[in-house]
Structure formats: C-alpha cells, structure tokens
Amino acid sequence: MRTMIRLAVAAGAAAAFAASIGAALGESTADEIAKYREALQDGNPAELWEARGEQMWKVPRGPNKVSFERCDLGLGPGVVKGAYAQLPRYFPDAKRVMDLETRLVWCMVQQQGMSEADALKNTFGNGSAKRSDLEALAAYVASQSQGIRMNVALDEPHVHDMYRLGEKMFYYRGGTHDFACATCHGDDGKRIRLQDLPNLTKVEGAQKAYTTWPAYRVSQGELRTFQWRLNDCFRQQRFPELAFGSDASIALTAYLAGRANGAAYAGPAIKR
C-alpha cells in the first residue's frame, strides 16, 4: 500500500511539472491536470479503500457482532447498489435527514452497539498509520453507485427544508475573512494555486464537483469523503470547525447533492 501511495505522490509531482511545461507551451494548465487525472483513474488507489470498506461491510462488528448488511441506507437492509445516488435522504427511524457518513454512524451505534464516541473516533485518516473506517466504508458504498444518476428526493418535505437551509448557508458570509462558500465557488474562472474552483452556482459545475466525491487525494495519500471536503472548506474560510454529521453539514450536502441531480455518479475519483 505504501508503495502505491509513494507512486501516486510521485505521479502528482510529475503532473505538476507537466502542467508547468504545458503552460509554457501555451496549453491550459487545467487541461494538463485533467489529462493527468484521466491517466491515473484506472489505477486509482481509492480501490484499496473500497476493498477494505467492502470487507468491513460484511464482517460482524461491535459489541453486538452485527454486520452492516442489516444497515438500511434507504433502499432496504444491506442494499448498497444505487444508495449513494439518493443520499442525503430522510430516515423515519432516526427522525432526521442523513448523508452517508451520518447513516453509517447511526448503524454503528443503533445496530452494532458501539458508543457514538467510538464510532466517531477516527472520522478522517492521516494517510499513514491512522486509518478511518468511515472513509473506507464510504468509498465502498459510494462506488456501488457508479454510473447511476443522482436522484435526491427534493420533493420530500424534510429534505426540501435541508436543501433550502443549505442554500442559505452557501451564500452566508462570515468569519474573520467575511467569506462564504460562494466566495470561492460562485463565479467562473476562479482558482487556488493550480486548482480550478468549480462554479457551484451553475448546475453543470455542481454536478461535476459533487459526483466525484469521495475522492483519493494524491497530495495527502488518503481517500476523503464529502464530510471532509466541507470540514476543510470551513477551515479555509476561518469559520468554526464544522461538527461531523451536524445538521449544518447535512444541509450543505443536501443542497449540493440536490443540485447534482440528473448527473451520473462518477466517484470515487482522484484529485490533486
């Protein structure tokens, strides 16, 4: 595994060099990075997380010795095919709207008998010794929706309310820098370093961005979920840390996932 990660990091450095050469030749840096991602997609290290997640899904875990095959992600106990494409959704048994990671935690606590503290012990891995069960489980479940069109039920009242709250949050300015999500993702042509910033106010931008998460981050040697993506955005905006699985995180996810409706899910992808 470490060998693959070193190779991925080396590939990232090579891609950055290729991008600089391409720019010098008058080519688009974004195009060069896109070519690099396409070349690596067949050997995406996310497959390692998917395989680990599949094993964890099937093996009895926790004090109750129960597998995730009893966990209902919205399509019936144990059904993963197409489930991610319909999340977030309202779950009557939990009486709230949940995204994938929040639902997995719920199943860990309610079915497997874990404490919430144990279920949330390692929400994000560090690309080395610290591994996250949630990231691996999310990679596996999400991978089972590849090619399936996003279909978040925005006509469901609870989901609709979350979607509208997420929309307000997307445009809300605050923090020490007076930033909003829309500050970075509200216009065409913006970038940070070599990274193009998708315009999430446009349907095509939201579709392209959302349908590639979870994603393997070459620069970190780690697979990252959408909860991580939001958490890191809050950090960069200098907002207070976004609580994992909070209503705020679900609202933003519902807004962006809902705007991606109609697009085929294409993750877990690979990113810089």
Protein backbone atom coordinates (compact mmCIF):
# COMPACT_ATOMS: atom_id res chain seq x y z
CA MET A 1 0.00 0.00 0.00
CA ARG A 2 2.80 2.40 0.90
CA THR A 3 4.39 1.68 -2.46
CA MET A 4 1.20 2.68 -4.28
CA ILE A 5 0.94 5.86 -2.24
CA ARG A 6 4.56 6.78 -3.00
CA LEU A 7 3.87 6.16 -6.68
CA ALA A 8 0.77 8.34 -6.51
CA VAL A 9 2.72 11.15 -4.83
CA ALA A 10 5.45 10.85 -7.45
CA ALA A 11 2.81 10.95 -10.16
CA GLY A 12 1.43 14.11 -8.60
CA ALA A 13 4.83 15.78 -8.74
CA ALA A 14 5.25 14.66 -12.34
CA ALA A 15 1.83 16.04 -13.21
CA ALA A 16 2.66 19.41 -11.70
CA PHE A 17 5.86 19.51 -13.76
CA ALA A 18 3.97 18.51 -16.90
CA ALA A 19 1.40 21.18 -16.22
CA SER A 20 4.09 23.84 -15.95
CA ILE A 21 5.63 22.71 -19.23
CA GLY A 22 2.19 22.71 -20.86
CA ALA A 23 1.55 26.24 -19.66
CA ALA A 24 4.91 27.34 -21.03
CA LEU A 25 3.87 25.94 -24.39
CA GLY A 26 0.65 27.90 -24.33
CA GLU A 27 -1.52 24.96 -23.25
CA SER A 28 -4.07 25.19 -20.48
CA THR A 29 -2.77 24.07 -17.09
CA ALA A 30 -6.26 22.87 -16.23
CA ASP A 31 -6.24 20.70 -19.37
CA GLU A 32 -2.91 19.19 -18.39
CA ILE A 33 -4.14 18.37 -14.90
CA ALA A 34 -7.29 16.84 -16.40
CA LYS A 35 -5.14 14.61 -18.61
CA TYR A 36 -3.12 13.53 -15.57
CA ARG A 37 -6.25 12.61 -13.62
CA GLU A 38 -7.65 10.67 -16.55
CA ALA A 39 -4.39 8.74 -16.92
CA LEU A 40 -4.38 7.75 -13.26
CA GLN A 41 -8.08 6.91 -12.95
CA ASP A 42 -7.65 3.28 -13.99
CA GLY A 43 -5.15 2.77 -11.17
CA ASN A 44 -6.94 4.92 -8.63
CA PRO A 45 -5.73 4.00 -5.11
CA ALA A 46 -9.31 4.58 -3.92
CA GLU A 47 -9.82 0.94 -4.87
CA LEU A 48 -7.82 -0.02 -1.77
CA TRP A 49 -10.28 1.85 0.44
CA GLU A 50 -13.21 0.34 -1.42
CA ALA A 51 -11.88 -3.18 -0.83
CA ARG A 52 -11.32 -2.54 2.88
CA GLY A 53 -14.76 -0.98 3.15
CA GLU A 54 -16.43 -3.96 1.48
CA GLN A 55 -14.78 -6.31 3.96
CA MET A 56 -15.91 -4.17 6.90
CA TRP A 57 -19.43 -4.03 5.48
CA LYS A 58 -19.76 -7.82 5.51
CA VAL A 59 -17.95 -8.73 8.76
CA PRO A 60 -19.84 -8.66 12.10
CA ARG A 61 -18.56 -5.77 14.22
CA GLY A 62 -19.13 -4.01 17.52
CA PRO A 63 -20.41 -5.39 20.85
CA ASN A 64 -23.49 -6.81 19.13
CA LYS A 65 -21.45 -8.64 16.47
CA VAL A 66 -23.67 -7.36 13.66
CA SER A 67 -22.59 -6.63 10.09
CA PHE A 68 -23.65 -3.64 8.02
CA GLU A 69 -25.78 -6.00 5.96
CA ARG A 70 -28.57 -5.06 8.38
CA CYS A 71 -27.95 -1.34 7.79
CA ASP A 72 -30.67 0.31 5.70
CA LEU A 73 -29.28 3.15 3.58
CA GLY A 74 -32.73 3.86 2.19
CA LEU A 75 -33.22 1.02 -0.28
CA GLY A 76 -33.59 -1.82 2.21
CA PRO A 77 -31.27 -3.57 4.72
CA GLY A 78 -27.86 -4.22 3.21
CA VAL A 79 -28.68 -2.75 -0.21
CA VAL A 80 -25.81 -0.59 -1.45
CA LYS A 81 -26.41 -0.56 -5.21
CA GLY A 82 -27.59 2.96 -6.05
CA ALA A 83 -27.96 4.03 -2.41
CA TYR A 84 -25.38 6.83 -2.53
CA ALA A 85 -27.08 8.40 -5.53
CA GLN A 86 -30.18 9.04 -3.40
CA LEU A 87 -28.46 10.47 -0.34
CA PRO A 88 -28.98 12.59 1.72
CA ARG A 89 -32.50 11.38 2.50
CA TYR A 90 -34.97 11.39 5.37
CA PHE A 91 -34.89 8.31 7.62
CA PRO A 92 -38.05 7.85 9.71
CA ASP A 93 -36.29 5.55 12.20
CA ALA A 94 -33.77 8.28 13.04
CA LYS A 95 -36.26 11.11 12.51
CA ARG A 96 -33.76 13.21 10.57
CA VAL A 97 -32.17 13.75 7.18
CA MET A 98 -28.85 11.92 6.91
CA ASP A 99 -25.98 11.71 4.49
CA LEU A 100 -23.98 8.52 4.02
CA GLU A 101 -21.47 9.00 6.84
CA THR A 102 -24.14 10.04 9.33
CA ARG A 103 -26.21 6.97 8.48
CA LEU A 104 -23.20 4.69 8.85
CA VAL A 105 -22.54 6.11 12.32
CA TRP A 106 -26.22 5.59 13.20
CA CYS A 107 -25.96 1.92 12.20
CA MET A 108 -22.75 1.51 14.21
CA VAL A 109 -24.46 2.85 17.32
CA GLN A 110 -28.01 1.52 16.96
CA GLN A 111 -27.29 -1.87 15.41
CA GLN A 112 -23.69 -2.77 16.16
CA GLY A 113 -23.83 -1.45 19.73
CA MET A 114 -20.87 0.94 19.55
CA SER A 115 -20.79 4.13 21.54
CA GLU A 116 -21.02 7.30 19.46
CA ALA A 117 -17.56 8.27 20.71
CA ASP A 118 -16.08 5.03 19.37
CA ALA A 119 -17.96 5.34 16.07
CA LEU A 120 -16.54 8.86 15.61
CA LYS A 121 -13.06 8.11 16.91
CA ASN A 122 -11.35 8.30 13.52
CA THR A 123 -13.58 10.19 11.14
CA PHE A 124 -10.63 11.16 8.93
CA GLY A 125 -7.41 9.23 8.31
CA ASN A 126 -4.00 10.86 8.03
CA GLY A 127 -2.61 8.99 5.03
CA SER A 128 -0.37 6.91 7.26
CA ALA A 129 -0.96 4.82 10.39
CA LYS A 130 -4.24 6.45 11.38
CA ARG A 131 -6.99 4.78 9.37
CA SER A 132 -10.63 5.75 9.18
CA ASP A 133 -13.28 3.06 8.99
CA LEU A 134 -15.81 5.66 7.85
CA GLU A 135 -13.72 6.72 4.88
CA ALA A 136 -13.31 3.11 3.76
CA LEU A 137 -16.99 2.29 4.24
CA ALA A 138 -18.00 5.45 2.38
CA ALA A 139 -15.66 4.57 -0.50
CA TYR A 140 -17.22 1.12 -0.85
CA VAL A 141 -20.84 2.25 -0.65
CA ALA A 142 -20.30 5.20 -2.99
CA SER A 143 -18.53 3.01 -5.54
CA GLN A 144 -21.69 0.92 -5.85
CA SER A 145 -23.48 3.90 -7.42
CA GLN A 146 -21.02 4.43 -10.27
CA GLY A 147 -22.90 5.28 -13.45
CA ILE A 148 -26.22 5.76 -11.63
CA ARG A 149 -27.81 9.18 -11.90
CA MET A 150 -28.14 11.32 -8.80
CA ASN A 151 -31.72 11.37 -7.58
CA VAL A 152 -32.01 13.14 -4.23
CA ALA A 153 -35.70 13.41 -3.26
CA LEU A 154 -36.06 17.18 -3.06
CA ASP A 155 -39.85 16.86 -3.00
CA GLU A 156 -39.68 15.13 0.40
CA PRO A 157 -40.50 17.90 2.93
CA HIS A 158 -37.62 17.23 5.35
CA VAL A 159 -35.06 17.01 2.54
CA HIS A 160 -36.50 20.12 0.89
CA ASP A 161 -36.12 22.07 4.14
CA MET A 162 -32.50 20.95 4.45
CA TYR A 163 -31.86 21.88 0.83
CA ARG A 164 -33.17 25.41 1.42
CA LEU A 165 -31.12 25.77 4.61
CA GLY A 166 -28.03 24.61 2.72
CA GLU A 167 -28.69 27.18 0.02
CA LYS A 168 -28.78 29.97 2.63
CA MET A 169 -25.57 28.67 4.19
CA PHE A 170 -23.84 28.55 0.80
CA TYR A 171 -24.29 32.32 0.38
CA TYR A 172 -23.83 33.29 4.04
CA ARG A 173 -20.77 35.48 4.64
CA GLY A 174 -18.94 35.45 7.94
CA GLY A 175 -15.77 34.63 9.82
CA THR A 176 -12.62 36.70 10.08
CA HIS A 177 -12.32 36.91 6.29
CA ASP A 178 -16.01 37.60 5.55
CA PHE A 179 -16.09 34.55 3.31
CA ALA A 180 -18.97 32.44 2.04
CA CYS A 181 -18.94 29.19 0.09
CA ALA A 182 -19.94 31.35 -2.87
CA THR A 183 -16.81 33.49 -2.45
CA CYS A 184 -14.73 30.70 -3.98
CA HIS A 185 -17.45 28.76 -5.80
CA GLY A 186 -19.76 31.44 -7.15
CA ASP A 187 -18.06 32.52 -10.39
CA ASP A 188 -16.37 31.05 -13.44
CA GLY A 189 -12.61 31.06 -13.88
CA LYS A 190 -11.52 31.11 -10.24
CA ARG A 191 -8.63 29.01 -9.00
CA ILE A 192 -6.41 28.46 -6.00
CA ARG A 193 -2.83 27.63 -6.90
CA LEU A 194 -3.17 25.09 -9.76
CA GLN A 195 -6.66 24.04 -8.73
CA ASP A 196 -9.65 25.27 -10.70
CA LEU A 197 -12.57 26.09 -8.41
CA PRO A 198 -15.89 24.80 -9.76
CA ASN A 199 -18.74 27.29 -10.03
CA LEU A 200 -21.32 25.55 -7.85
CA THR A 201 -23.99 28.13 -8.64
CA LYS A 202 -24.28 26.50 -12.07
CA VAL A 203 -25.90 23.08 -12.36
CA GLU A 204 -23.09 21.71 -14.52
CA GLY A 205 -20.49 22.88 -12.01
CA ALA A 206 -22.34 21.33 -9.08
CA GLN A 207 -22.88 18.09 -10.98
CA LYS A 208 -19.23 17.73 -11.97
CA ALA A 209 -17.97 18.55 -8.48
CA TYR A 210 -20.35 16.55 -6.30
CA THR A 211 -20.38 13.36 -8.36
CA THR A 212 -16.61 12.86 -7.92
CA TRP A 213 -16.63 12.68 -4.10
CA PRO A 214 -15.48 10.70 -2.14
CA ALA A 215 -12.09 11.09 -3.79
CA TYR A 216 -8.49 9.98 -3.35
CA ARG A 217 -6.26 12.99 -2.65
CA VAL A 218 -2.80 12.40 -4.12
CA SER A 219 -1.28 15.22 -2.07
CA GLN A 220 -2.45 13.58 1.16
CA GLY A 221 -2.20 9.89 0.30
CA GLU A 222 -5.73 9.48 1.65
CA LEU A 223 -9.27 8.95 0.49
CA ARG A 224 -11.54 11.82 1.53
CA THR A 225 -15.31 11.92 1.96
CA PHE A 226 -17.68 14.81 1.38
CA GLN A 227 -17.86 15.45 5.13
CA TRP A 228 -14.10 16.03 5.00
CA ARG A 229 -14.48 18.33 1.98
CA LEU A 230 -16.95 20.55 3.84
CA ASN A 231 -14.84 20.48 7.00
CA ASP A 232 -11.78 21.64 5.07
CA CYS A 233 -13.76 24.38 3.35
CA PHE A 234 -14.87 25.70 6.74
CA ARG A 235 -11.25 25.67 7.88
CA GLN A 236 -10.13 27.67 4.88
CA GLN A 237 -12.95 30.18 5.41
CA ARG A 238 -11.75 30.57 9.03
CA PHE A 239 -15.17 29.50 10.26
CA PRO A 240 -15.60 27.49 13.49
CA GLU A 241 -14.95 23.80 12.90
CA LEU A 242 -17.88 22.03 11.26
CA ALA A 243 -19.17 19.29 13.57
CA PHE A 244 -19.14 15.90 11.86
CA GLY A 245 -22.66 14.86 10.88
CA SER A 246 -24.21 18.09 12.14
CA ASP A 247 -27.40 19.50 10.62
CA ALA A 248 -25.25 22.23 9.07
CA SER A 249 -23.13 19.64 7.25
CA ILE A 250 -26.23 17.72 6.14
CA ALA A 251 -27.89 20.91 4.87
CA LEU A 252 -24.91 21.89 2.71
CA THR A 253 -24.61 18.33 1.42
CA ALA A 254 -28.31 18.21 0.58
CA TYR A 255 -28.03 21.49 -1.32
CA LEU A 256 -25.05 20.43 -3.41
CA ALA A 257 -26.23 16.85 -3.90
CA GLY A 258 -29.66 18.10 -4.95
CA ARG A 259 -28.11 20.43 -7.50
CA ALA A 260 -26.23 17.44 -8.91
CA ASN A 261 -29.50 15.58 -9.63
CA GLY A 262 -29.58 14.04 -13.09
CA ALA A 263 -25.82 13.57 -13.39
CA ALA A 264 -24.29 10.10 -13.33
CA TYR A 265 -22.21 9.43 -10.24
CA ALA A 266 -18.54 9.06 -11.24
CA GLY A 267 -16.64 8.53 -7.98
CA PRO A 268 -14.64 7.78 -6.02
CA ALA A 269 -12.43 9.94 -8.19
CA ILE A 270 -8.81 11.03 -7.90
CA LYS A 271 -7.78 14.59 -7.15
CA ARG A 272 -4.57 16.52 -6.62
